[in-house]
Amino acid sequence: MPTKMLSRRSSDLAAMLGKVIPARYLPKALTAPRPLVPVVRLYGAIGMPSLPGQSALSLAGVAAQLEVAFEAKGAVAVALLINSPGGSPAQSHLIHQRIKALASKHKLPVFAFIEDVGASGGYMLACAADEIFADPTSVVGSIGVVSAGFGLTGLIEKLGIERRIYTAGDSKAMLDPFMPERDEDVMRLKALQADVHESFIDLVKASRGERLTGGDESLFNGAFWTGRKAAGLGLVDGLGDVRGVMRHRFGDEVDLRLVPAARRGGLLRLLIPNLSAGAALPEGRVSLIDADNLIGSLEARALWGRYGL
């Protein structure tokens, strides 16, 4: 008997038995395969750790998860769970491009689901998907570029501290917080921001196309909206969560399978014993890695704070 006929008869038998016996009690050979949708969670500020000791959301950190998701046998789509206030424009774009490349290579549709926040670089990640969904109360948008810092010249003078800095190149110490701000440095920074902003706008337009209903001045001025408002502006395709939308698209038996994150810091912990769990630094020593993580965590906290979280 031809193989195709045997396969068809097995499927018919599975369907018939499935009406009487729950699929979990049937042998695998007699159960029809469930449509698989691998799920990748993209959480946190991009390019900076959200908590001390936590790795940043970056291409290096999520590349392996994305590969596993798109190469999963039997996958009918890939879902992205996005909860990010943004961060590094470069890392946001790199992750976006990797998702697009993998989707094209494996011919799989991509669905993005914004949870609390999909703003700035977080929204750029969502734009890698064919369709974007959000909760009615999600924060969506912030299509702009921001730089922030402090001017500490008055403080060091008050403390009697003398600033010494030596450079090769007039702009090498541009916007140093311990030096007076120069108009030409601010103009150069604004030009850089405008270039990045233009690239961001082009990416959103290429992704969303005619689905965008708002004008450029309202969509791309850095403002952000609830998921409900964002749907009206065409920034998202609809309201819903991953379970509800994927069941609607692929049936109630869809297999939503979370792709676990790769274990972080294994090699680093072997090379730097002080990073191992419970280890204490010798008295008087300061871990540069811990200090760097703390600064990154404060910056990430400020990003989340912009959206009331």
C-alpha atoms as a PDB file:
ATOM      1  CA  MET A   1       0.000   0.000   0.000  1.00  0.00           C
ATOM      2  CA  PRO A   2       1.430   3.455  -0.864  1.00  0.00           C
ATOM      3  CA  THR A   3       3.005   5.441   1.993  1.00  0.00           C
ATOM      4  CA  LYS A   4       0.702   8.459   1.481  1.00  0.00           C
ATOM      5  CA  MET A   5      -2.385   6.224   1.824  1.00  0.00           C
ATOM      6  CA  LEU A   6      -1.039   4.702   5.045  1.00  0.00           C
ATOM      7  CA  SER A   7      -0.358   8.181   6.431  1.00  0.00           C
ATOM      8  CA  ARG A   8      -3.859   9.354   5.527  1.00  0.00           C
ATOM      9  CA  ARG A   9      -5.452   6.315   7.165  1.00  0.00           C
ATOM     10  CA  SER A  10      -3.369   6.853  10.334  1.00  0.00           C
ATOM     11  CA  SER A  11      -4.531  10.462  10.503  1.00  0.00           C
ATOM     12  CA  ASP A  12      -8.151   9.399  10.017  1.00  0.00           C
ATOM     13  CA  LEU A  13      -7.784   6.785  12.767  1.00  0.00           C
ATOM     14  CA  ALA A  14      -6.193   9.353  15.094  1.00  0.00           C
ATOM     15  CA  ALA A  15      -9.021  11.788  14.459  1.00  0.00           C
ATOM     16  CA  MET A  16     -11.637   9.105  15.116  1.00  0.00           C
ATOM     17  CA  LEU A  17     -10.004   7.872  18.323  1.00  0.00           C
ATOM     18  CA  GLY A  18      -9.413  11.459  19.464  1.00  0.00           C
ATOM     19  CA  LYS A  19     -13.160  11.976  19.665  1.00  0.00           C
ATOM     20  CA  VAL A  20     -13.443   9.132  22.166  1.00  0.00           C
ATOM     21  CA  ILE A  21     -10.065   8.923  23.934  1.00  0.00           C
ATOM     22  CA  PRO A  22      -8.031  11.952  25.115  1.00  0.00           C
ATOM     23  CA  ALA A  23      -4.912  12.379  22.990  1.00  0.00           C
ATOM     24  CA  ARG A  24      -2.600  12.071  26.012  1.00  0.00           C
ATOM     25  CA  TYR A  25      -3.669   8.412  26.430  1.00  0.00           C
ATOM     26  CA  LEU A  26      -3.009   7.469  22.809  1.00  0.00           C
ATOM     27  CA  PRO A  27       0.330   6.153  21.489  1.00  0.00           C
ATOM     28  CA  LYS A  28       2.349   8.867  19.730  1.00  0.00           C
ATOM     29  CA  ALA A  29       2.049   6.952  16.465  1.00  0.00           C
ATOM     30  CA  LEU A  30      -1.724   7.430  16.574  1.00  0.00           C
ATOM     31  CA  THR A  31      -1.805  11.120  17.519  1.00  0.00           C
ATOM     32  CA  ALA A  32      -1.704  13.916  14.978  1.00  0.00           C
ATOM     33  CA  PRO A  33       1.241  16.297  15.584  1.00  0.00           C
ATOM     34  CA  ARG A  34       0.291  19.490  17.370  1.00  0.00           C
ATOM     35  CA  PRO A  35       1.296  22.747  15.672  1.00  0.00           C
ATOM     36  CA  LEU A  36       4.404  24.020  17.449  1.00  0.00           C
ATOM     37  CA  VAL A  37       5.078  27.688  18.204  1.00  0.00           C
ATOM     38  CA  PRO A  38       8.412  28.261  19.978  1.00  0.00           C
ATOM     39  CA  VAL A  39       8.280  31.267  22.325  1.00  0.00           C
ATOM     40  CA  VAL A  40      11.276  33.536  22.997  1.00  0.00           C
ATOM     41  CA  ARG A  41      11.145  36.002  25.871  1.00  0.00           C
ATOM     42  CA  LEU A  42      12.969  39.310  25.299  1.00  0.00           C
ATOM     43  CA  TYR A  43      13.029  41.012  28.684  1.00  0.00           C
ATOM     44  CA  GLY A  44      14.874  43.975  30.124  1.00  0.00           C
ATOM     45  CA  ALA A  45      16.718  47.112  29.176  1.00  0.00           C
ATOM     46  CA  ILE A  46      18.724  46.598  25.995  1.00  0.00           C
ATOM     47  CA  GLY A  47      22.496  46.760  26.325  1.00  0.00           C
ATOM     48  CA  MET A  48      22.485  47.190  30.118  1.00  0.00           C
ATOM     49  CA  PRO A  49      21.672  44.867  33.037  1.00  0.00           C
ATOM     50  CA  SER A  50      18.341  45.381  34.788  1.00  0.00           C
ATOM     51  CA  LEU A  51      19.697  43.973  38.071  1.00  0.00           C
ATOM     52  CA  PRO A  52      23.220  43.672  39.513  1.00  0.00           C
ATOM     53  CA  GLY A  53      24.805  40.470  38.195  1.00  0.00           C
ATOM     54  CA  GLN A  54      22.212  40.092  35.439  1.00  0.00           C
ATOM     55  CA  SER A  55      23.326  40.002  31.800  1.00  0.00           C
ATOM     56  CA  ALA A  56      22.022  42.681  29.481  1.00  0.00           C
ATOM     57  CA  LEU A  57      19.511  42.040  26.730  1.00  0.00           C
ATOM     58  CA  SER A  58      21.832  41.876  23.737  1.00  0.00           C
ATOM     59  CA  LEU A  59      22.338  39.919  20.534  1.00  0.00           C
ATOM     60  CA  ALA A  60      25.025  37.799  22.187  1.00  0.00           C
ATOM     61  CA  GLY A  61      22.604  36.920  24.977  1.00  0.00           C
ATOM     62  CA  VAL A  62      19.617  35.923  22.807  1.00  0.00           C
ATOM     63  CA  ALA A  63      21.225  34.631  19.576  1.00  0.00           C
ATOM     64  CA  ALA A  64      21.236  31.003  20.752  1.00  0.00           C
ATOM     65  CA  GLN A  65      17.571  31.153  21.842  1.00  0.00           C
ATOM     66  CA  LEU A  66      16.543  32.590  18.488  1.00  0.00           C
ATOM     67  CA  GLU A  67      18.446  29.885  16.604  1.00  0.00           C
ATOM     68  CA  VAL A  68      16.758  27.144  18.640  1.00  0.00           C
ATOM     69  CA  ALA A  69      13.322  28.690  18.113  1.00  0.00           C
ATOM     70  CA  PHE A  70      13.564  29.053  14.351  1.00  0.00           C
ATOM     71  CA  GLU A  71      15.182  25.656  13.836  1.00  0.00           C
ATOM     72  CA  ALA A  72      12.607  23.767  15.925  1.00  0.00           C
ATOM     73  CA  LYS A  73      11.232  20.789  14.039  1.00  0.00           C
ATOM     74  CA  GLY A  74       7.564  21.195  13.222  1.00  0.00           C
ATOM     75  CA  ALA A  75       7.418  24.906  14.041  1.00  0.00           C
ATOM     76  CA  VAL A  76       4.614  26.780  12.267  1.00  0.00           C
ATOM     77  CA  ALA A  77       5.564  30.205  13.661  1.00  0.00           C
ATOM     78  CA  VAL A  78       7.742  31.897  16.289  1.00  0.00           C
ATOM     79  CA  ALA A  79       6.344  34.104  19.066  1.00  0.00           C
ATOM     80  CA  LEU A  80       8.283  36.879  20.801  1.00  0.00           C
ATOM     81  CA  LEU A  81       7.287  38.014  24.301  1.00  0.00           C
ATOM     82  CA  ILE A  82       8.627  41.551  24.600  1.00  0.00           C
ATOM     83  CA  ASN A  83       8.942  43.535  27.809  1.00  0.00           C
ATOM     84  CA  SER A  84      11.569  46.231  27.324  1.00  0.00           C
ATOM     85  CA  PRO A  85      11.839  50.004  27.808  1.00  0.00           C
ATOM     86  CA  GLY A  86      14.611  50.179  25.183  1.00  0.00           C
ATOM     87  CA  GLY A  87      18.271  51.029  25.584  1.00  0.00           C
ATOM     88  CA  SER A  88      21.119  50.643  23.110  1.00  0.00           C
ATOM     89  CA  PRO A  89      20.057  51.524  19.533  1.00  0.00           C
ATOM     90  CA  ALA A  90      22.785  49.311  18.073  1.00  0.00           C
ATOM     91  CA  GLN A  91      21.866  46.206  20.089  1.00  0.00           C
ATOM     92  CA  SER A  92      18.167  46.794  19.374  1.00  0.00           C
ATOM     93  CA  HIS A  93      18.879  46.918  15.653  1.00  0.00           C
ATOM     94  CA  LEU A  94      21.185  43.891  15.735  1.00  0.00           C
ATOM     95  CA  ILE A  95      18.538  41.739  17.434  1.00  0.00           C
ATOM     96  CA  HIS A  96      15.891  43.056  15.029  1.00  0.00           C
ATOM     97  CA  GLN A  97      18.036  42.135  12.032  1.00  0.00           C
ATOM     98  CA  ARG A  98      18.826  38.659  13.353  1.00  0.00           C
ATOM     99  CA  ILE A  99      15.124  37.897  13.842  1.00  0.00           C
ATOM    100  CA  LYS A 100      14.339  39.101  10.312  1.00  0.00           C
ATOM    101  CA  ALA A 101      17.179  37.035   8.837  1.00  0.00           C
ATOM    102  CA  LEU A 102      16.128  33.832  10.632  1.00  0.00           C
ATOM    103  CA  ALA A 103      12.481  34.309   9.689  1.00  0.00           C
ATOM    104  CA  SER A 104      13.453  34.705   6.034  1.00  0.00           C
ATOM    105  CA  LYS A 105      15.778  31.708   6.113  1.00  0.00           C
ATOM    106  CA  HIS A 106      13.266  29.336   7.712  1.00  0.00           C
ATOM    107  CA  LYS A 107      10.155  30.819   6.052  1.00  0.00           C
ATOM    108  CA  LEU A 108       8.329  31.210   9.366  1.00  0.00           C
ATOM    109  CA  PRO A 109       5.922  33.978  10.391  1.00  0.00           C
ATOM    110  CA  VAL A 110       6.810  35.911  13.551  1.00  0.00           C
ATOM    111  CA  PHE A 111       4.326  37.270  16.099  1.00  0.00           C
ATOM    112  CA  ALA A 112       5.343  39.799  18.746  1.00  0.00           C
ATOM    113  CA  PHE A 113       3.452  40.232  22.025  1.00  0.00           C
ATOM    114  CA  ILE A 114       4.177  43.361  24.056  1.00  0.00           C
ATOM    115  CA  GLU A 115       3.664  42.865  27.782  1.00  0.00           C
ATOM    116  CA  ASP A 116       4.225  45.835  30.146  1.00  0.00           C
ATOM    117  CA  VAL A 117       6.391  47.887  27.798  1.00  0.00           C
ATOM    118  CA  GLY A 118       7.486  47.801  24.181  1.00  0.00           C
ATOM    119  CA  ALA A 119       9.022  51.247  23.904  1.00  0.00           C
ATOM    120  CA  SER A 120      11.945  52.779  22.021  1.00  0.00           C
ATOM    121  CA  GLY A 121      14.354  49.882  21.331  1.00  0.00           C
ATOM    122  CA  GLY A 122      11.748  47.499  22.749  1.00  0.00           C
ATOM    123  CA  TYR A 123       9.358  48.595  20.016  1.00  0.00           C
ATOM    124  CA  MET A 124      12.153  48.173  17.461  1.00  0.00           C
ATOM    125  CA  LEU A 125      12.356  44.518  18.506  1.00  0.00           C
ATOM    126  CA  ALA A 126       8.594  44.160  18.012  1.00  0.00           C
ATOM    127  CA  CYS A 127       8.919  45.579  14.496  1.00  0.00           C
ATOM    128  CA  ALA A 128      10.892  42.470  13.501  1.00  0.00           C
ATOM    129  CA  ALA A 129       7.585  40.562  13.640  1.00  0.00           C
ATOM    130  CA  ASP A 130       5.005  40.205  10.902  1.00  0.00           C
ATOM    131  CA  GLU A 131       2.276  41.093  13.394  1.00  0.00           C
ATOM    132  CA  ILE A 132       2.387  42.873  16.756  1.00  0.00           C
ATOM    133  CA  PHE A 133      -0.097  42.457  19.612  1.00  0.00           C
ATOM    134  CA  ALA A 134      -0.307  44.228  22.960  1.00  0.00           C
ATOM    135  CA  ASP A 135      -2.366  44.300  26.121  1.00  0.00           C
ATOM    136  CA  PRO A 136      -4.788  47.246  26.266  1.00  0.00           C
ATOM    137  CA  THR A 137      -2.687  48.647  29.143  1.00  0.00           C
ATOM    138  CA  SER A 138       0.743  48.037  27.613  1.00  0.00           C
ATOM    139  CA  VAL A 139       3.019  51.030  26.976  1.00  0.00           C
ATOM    140  CA  VAL A 140       3.944  51.244  23.293  1.00  0.00           C
ATOM    141  CA  GLY A 141       5.947  53.653  21.150  1.00  0.00           C
ATOM    142  CA  SER A 142       8.588  56.191  22.202  1.00  0.00           C
ATOM    143  CA  ILE A 143      10.030  56.279  18.687  1.00  0.00           C
ATOM    144  CA  GLY A 144      12.809  58.728  19.376  1.00  0.00           C
ATOM    145  CA  VAL A 145      16.350  59.056  20.724  1.00  0.00           C
ATOM    146  CA  VAL A 146      17.428  60.387  24.108  1.00  0.00           C
ATOM    147  CA  SER A 147      20.754  61.082  25.792  1.00  0.00           C
ATOM    148  CA  ALA A 148      21.085  62.185  29.414  1.00  0.00           C
ATOM    149  CA  GLY A 149      23.859  63.069  31.802  1.00  0.00           C
ATOM    150  CA  PHE A 150      24.936  65.440  34.564  1.00  0.00           C
ATOM    151  CA  GLY A 151      27.041  68.587  34.701  1.00  0.00           C
ATOM    152  CA  LEU A 152      29.354  68.354  37.703  1.00  0.00           C
ATOM    153  CA  THR A 153      31.687  71.308  37.126  1.00  0.00           C
ATOM    154  CA  GLY A 154      30.284  73.336  40.030  1.00  0.00           C
ATOM    155  CA  LEU A 155      30.488  70.340  42.369  1.00  0.00           C
ATOM    156  CA  ILE A 156      34.171  69.596  41.848  1.00  0.00           C
ATOM    157  CA  GLU A 157      35.033  73.280  42.219  1.00  0.00           C
ATOM    158  CA  LYS A 158      33.135  73.388  45.497  1.00  0.00           C
ATOM    159  CA  LEU A 159      35.025  70.324  46.693  1.00  0.00           C
ATOM    160  CA  GLY A 160      38.333  71.818  45.650  1.00  0.00           C
ATOM    161  CA  ILE A 161      39.003  69.139  43.051  1.00  0.00           C
ATOM    162  CA  GLU A 162      41.074  69.991  39.988  1.00  0.00           C
ATOM    163  CA  ARG A 163      40.106  68.207  36.784  1.00  0.00           C
ATOM    164  CA  ARG A 164      43.008  67.063  34.594  1.00  0.00           C
ATOM    165  CA  ILE A 165      42.357  65.532  31.187  1.00  0.00           C
ATOM    166  CA  TYR A 166      44.648  65.132  28.175  1.00  0.00           C
ATOM    167  CA  THR A 167      43.453  64.202  24.711  1.00  0.00           C
ATOM    168  CA  ALA A 168      44.663  63.771  21.152  1.00  0.00           C
ATOM    169  CA  GLY A 169      41.710  65.125  19.194  1.00  0.00           C
ATOM    170  CA  ASP A 170      39.616  68.179  20.009  1.00  0.00           C
ATOM    171  CA  SER A 171      36.395  66.205  20.395  1.00  0.00           C
ATOM    172  CA  LYS A 172      37.747  63.247  22.364  1.00  0.00           C
ATOM    173  CA  ALA A 173      36.450  64.654  25.677  1.00  0.00           C
ATOM    174  CA  MET A 174      33.161  65.854  24.194  1.00  0.00           C
ATOM    175  CA  LEU A 175      30.421  66.314  26.823  1.00  0.00           C
ATOM    176  CA  ASP A 176      32.689  65.322  29.697  1.00  0.00           C
ATOM    177  CA  PRO A 177      30.475  65.887  32.784  1.00  0.00           C
ATOM    178  CA  PHE A 178      33.343  67.519  34.675  1.00  0.00           C
ATOM    179  CA  MET A 179      33.944  70.170  31.998  1.00  0.00           C
ATOM    180  CA  PRO A 180      31.742  73.115  30.931  1.00  0.00           C
ATOM    181  CA  GLU A 181      29.309  72.249  28.145  1.00  0.00           C
ATOM    182  CA  ARG A 182      30.236  73.575  24.698  1.00  0.00           C
ATOM    183  CA  ASP A 183      27.635  74.562  22.100  1.00  0.00           C
ATOM    184  CA  GLU A 184      29.489  72.791  19.307  1.00  0.00           C
ATOM    185  CA  ASP A 185      29.512  69.544  21.285  1.00  0.00           C
ATOM    186  CA  VAL A 186      25.757  69.721  21.861  1.00  0.00           C
ATOM    187  CA  MET A 187      25.179  70.393  18.159  1.00  0.00           C
ATOM    188  CA  ARG A 188      27.299  67.364  17.244  1.00  0.00           C
ATOM    189  CA  LEU A 189      25.351  65.156  19.660  1.00  0.00           C
ATOM    190  CA  LYS A 190      22.022  66.376  18.272  1.00  0.00           C
ATOM    191  CA  ALA A 191      23.192  65.604  14.729  1.00  0.00           C
ATOM    192  CA  LEU A 192      24.090  62.076  15.820  1.00  0.00           C
ATOM    193  CA  GLN A 193      20.690  61.666  17.493  1.00  0.00           C
ATOM    194  CA  ALA A 194      18.909  62.910  14.377  1.00  0.00           C
ATOM    195  CA  ASP A 195      20.734  60.323  12.259  1.00  0.00           C
ATOM    196  CA  VAL A 196      19.776  57.473  14.599  1.00  0.00           C
ATOM    197  CA  HIS A 197      16.200  58.783  14.808  1.00  0.00           C
ATOM    198  CA  GLU A 198      15.902  58.842  11.017  1.00  0.00           C
ATOM    199  CA  SER A 199      17.065  55.228  10.822  1.00  0.00           C
ATOM    200  CA  PHE A 200      14.513  54.252  13.480  1.00  0.00           C
ATOM    201  CA  ILE A 201      11.688  55.982  11.594  1.00  0.00           C
ATOM    202  CA  ASP A 202      12.670  54.276   8.326  1.00  0.00           C
ATOM    203  CA  LEU A 203      12.657  50.886  10.095  1.00  0.00           C
ATOM    204  CA  VAL A 204       9.180  51.429  11.566  1.00  0.00           C
ATOM    205  CA  LYS A 205       7.775  52.586   8.242  1.00  0.00           C
ATOM    206  CA  ALA A 206       9.302  49.597   6.436  1.00  0.00           C
ATOM    207  CA  SER A 207       7.836  47.233   9.036  1.00  0.00           C
ATOM    208  CA  ARG A 208       4.376  48.727   9.489  1.00  0.00           C
ATOM    209  CA  GLY A 209       3.821  50.232   6.042  1.00  0.00           C
ATOM    210  CA  GLU A 210       0.269  51.311   5.293  1.00  0.00           C
ATOM    211  CA  ARG A 211      -0.932  50.032   8.657  1.00  0.00           C
ATOM    212  CA  LEU A 212       0.289  53.291  10.227  1.00  0.00           C
ATOM    213  CA  THR A 213      -2.586  55.747  10.466  1.00  0.00           C
ATOM    214  CA  GLY A 214      -1.055  58.652  12.406  1.00  0.00           C
ATOM    215  CA  GLY A 215       1.048  61.433  10.915  1.00  0.00           C
ATOM    216  CA  ASP A 216       4.838  61.525  11.224  1.00  0.00           C
ATOM    217  CA  GLU A 217       4.769  64.444  13.673  1.00  0.00           C
ATOM    218  CA  SER A 218       2.599  62.540  16.132  1.00  0.00           C
ATOM    219  CA  LEU A 219       4.040  59.032  15.649  1.00  0.00           C
ATOM    220  CA  PHE A 220       7.752  59.831  15.659  1.00  0.00           C
ATOM    221  CA  ASN A 221       8.139  62.590  18.242  1.00  0.00           C
ATOM    222  CA  GLY A 222       9.066  60.218  21.073  1.00  0.00           C
ATOM    223  CA  ALA A 223       5.555  60.005  22.554  1.00  0.00           C
ATOM    224  CA  PHE A 224       4.142  56.708  23.837  1.00  0.00           C
ATOM    225  CA  TRP A 225       0.642  55.322  24.215  1.00  0.00           C
ATOM    226  CA  THR A 226      -1.385  52.502  25.749  1.00  0.00           C
ATOM    227  CA  GLY A 227      -1.799  49.367  23.697  1.00  0.00           C
ATOM    228  CA  ARG A 228      -5.382  50.360  22.926  1.00  0.00           C
ATOM    229  CA  LYS A 229      -4.316  53.741  21.518  1.00  0.00           C
ATOM    230  CA  ALA A 230      -1.370  52.156  19.692  1.00  0.00           C
ATOM    231  CA  ALA A 231      -3.763  49.805  17.895  1.00  0.00           C
ATOM    232  CA  GLY A 232      -5.703  52.803  16.622  1.00  0.00           C
ATOM    233  CA  LEU A 233      -2.490  54.365  15.318  1.00  0.00           C
ATOM    234  CA  GLY A 234      -1.408  51.199  13.537  1.00  0.00           C
ATOM    235  CA  LEU A 235       1.624  50.646  15.758  1.00  0.00           C
ATOM    236  CA  VAL A 236       0.198  47.261  16.758  1.00  0.00           C
ATOM    237  CA  ASP A 237      -2.151  44.943  14.872  1.00  0.00           C
ATOM    238  CA  GLY A 238      -4.453  44.054  17.714  1.00  0.00           C
ATOM    239  CA  LEU A 239      -4.987  43.440  21.410  1.00  0.00           C
ATOM    240  CA  GLY A 240      -4.383  40.050  22.957  1.00  0.00           C
ATOM    241  CA  ASP A 241      -1.930  37.696  24.609  1.00  0.00           C
ATOM    242  CA  VAL A 242       0.206  34.945  23.151  1.00  0.00           C
ATOM    243  CA  ARG A 243      -2.038  32.073  24.276  1.00  0.00           C
ATOM    244  CA  GLY A 244      -5.275  33.560  23.003  1.00  0.00           C
ATOM    245  CA  VAL A 245      -3.936  34.785  19.666  1.00  0.00           C
ATOM    246  CA  MET A 246      -1.957  31.627  18.873  1.00  0.00           C
ATOM    247  CA  ARG A 247      -4.911  29.377  19.726  1.00  0.00           C
ATOM    248  CA  HIS A 248      -7.098  31.465  17.454  1.00  0.00           C
ATOM    249  CA  ARG A 249      -4.574  31.180  14.613  1.00  0.00           C
ATOM    250  CA  PHE A 250      -3.430  27.567  14.975  1.00  0.00           C
ATOM    251  CA  GLY A 251      -6.150  25.844  16.991  1.00  0.00           C
ATOM    252  CA  ASP A 252      -6.702  24.968  20.628  1.00  0.00           C
ATOM    253  CA  GLU A 253      -4.062  22.222  20.501  1.00  0.00           C
ATOM    254  CA  VAL A 254      -1.218  24.600  19.572  1.00  0.00           C
ATOM    255  CA  ASP A 255       1.976  23.735  21.461  1.00  0.00           C
ATOM    256  CA  LEU A 256       3.448  26.945  22.923  1.00  0.00           C
ATOM    257  CA  ARG A 257       6.956  25.993  23.958  1.00  0.00           C
ATOM    258  CA  LEU A 258       9.140  28.514  25.799  1.00  0.00           C
ATOM    259  CA  VAL A 259      12.770  28.440  24.646  1.00  0.00           C
ATOM    260  CA  PRO A 260      14.880  28.689  27.825  1.00  0.00           C
ATOM    261  CA  ALA A 261      17.580  31.317  28.058  1.00  0.00           C
ATOM    262  CA  ALA A 262      21.157  30.133  27.852  1.00  0.00           C
ATOM    263  CA  ARG A 263      22.927  29.880  31.202  1.00  0.00           C
ATOM    264  CA  ARG A 264      24.827  33.087  31.754  1.00  0.00           C
ATOM    265  CA  GLY A 265      28.219  33.732  33.198  1.00  0.00           C
ATOM    266  CA  GLY A 266      29.424  30.131  33.455  1.00  0.00           C
ATOM    267  CA  LEU A 267      32.888  30.681  31.989  1.00  0.00           C
ATOM    268  CA  LEU A 268      33.209  34.083  33.647  1.00  0.00           C
ATOM    269  CA  ARG A 269      32.496  32.589  37.043  1.00  0.00           C
ATOM    270  CA  LEU A 270      35.225  29.996  36.511  1.00  0.00           C
ATOM    271  CA  LEU A 271      37.726  32.678  35.544  1.00  0.00           C
ATOM    272  CA  ILE A 272      36.734  35.085  38.352  1.00  0.00           C
ATOM    273  CA  PRO A 273      36.048  33.108  41.551  1.00  0.00           C
ATOM    274  CA  ASN A 274      34.710  36.181  43.370  1.00  0.00           C
ATOM    275  CA  LEU A 275      31.625  36.024  41.153  1.00  0.00           C
ATOM    276  CA  SER A 276      30.647  32.568  42.383  1.00  0.00           C
ATOM    277  CA  ALA A 277      27.520  32.289  44.514  1.00  0.00           C
ATOM    278  CA  GLY A 278      28.048  33.339  48.112  1.00  0.00           C
ATOM    279  CA  ALA A 279      31.674  34.403  47.654  1.00  0.00           C
ATOM    280  CA  ALA A 280      32.699  37.566  49.467  1.00  0.00           C
ATOM    281  CA  LEU A 281      35.311  40.050  48.320  1.00  0.00           C
ATOM    282  CA  PRO A 282      38.343  40.485  50.559  1.00  0.00           C
ATOM    283  CA  GLU A 283      37.994  43.486  52.862  1.00  0.00           C
ATOM    284  CA  GLY A 284      38.847  46.737  51.119  1.00  0.00           C
ATOM    285  CA  ARG A 285      38.524  45.371  47.574  1.00  0.00           C
ATOM    286  CA  VAL A 286      35.957  46.634  45.071  1.00  0.00           C
ATOM    287  CA  SER A 287      34.762  44.492  42.164  1.00  0.00           C
ATOM    288  CA  LEU A 288      34.864  46.534  38.954  1.00  0.00           C
ATOM    289  CA  ILE A 289      32.339  44.150  37.433  1.00  0.00           C
ATOM    290  CA  ASP A 290      29.921  44.680  40.341  1.00  0.00           C
ATOM    291  CA  ALA A 291      30.362  48.449  40.079  1.00  0.00           C
ATOM    292  CA  ASP A 292      29.714  48.356  36.350  1.00  0.00           C
ATOM    293  CA  ASN A 293      26.605  46.236  36.903  1.00  0.00           C
ATOM    294  CA  LEU A 294      25.373  48.686  39.527  1.00  0.00           C
ATOM    295  CA  ILE A 295      25.729  51.648  37.156  1.00  0.00           C
ATOM    296  CA  GLY A 296      23.993  49.713  34.401  1.00  0.00           C
ATOM    297  CA  SER A 297      21.214  48.757  36.808  1.00  0.00           C
ATOM    298  CA  LEU A 298      20.636  52.392  37.762  1.00  0.00           C
ATOM    299  CA  GLU A 299      20.463  53.375  34.101  1.00  0.00           C
ATOM    300  CA  ALA A 300      18.033  50.536  33.406  1.00  0.00           C
ATOM    301  CA  ARG A 301      15.930  51.546  36.423  1.00  0.00           C
ATOM    302  CA  ALA A 302      15.706  55.073  34.990  1.00  0.00           C
ATOM    303  CA  LEU A 303      14.506  53.684  31.651  1.00  0.00           C
ATOM    304  CA  TRP A 304      11.733  51.649  33.292  1.00  0.00           C
ATOM    305  CA  GLY A 305      10.840  54.682  35.395  1.00  0.00           C
ATOM    306  CA  ARG A 306      10.083  56.758  32.318  1.00  0.00           C
ATOM    307  CA  TYR A 307       7.046  54.546  31.727  1.00  0.00           C
ATOM    308  CA  GLY A 308       5.796  54.509  35.307  1.00  0.00           C
ATOM    309  CA  LEU A 309       7.211  51.078  36.175  1.00  0.00           C
END
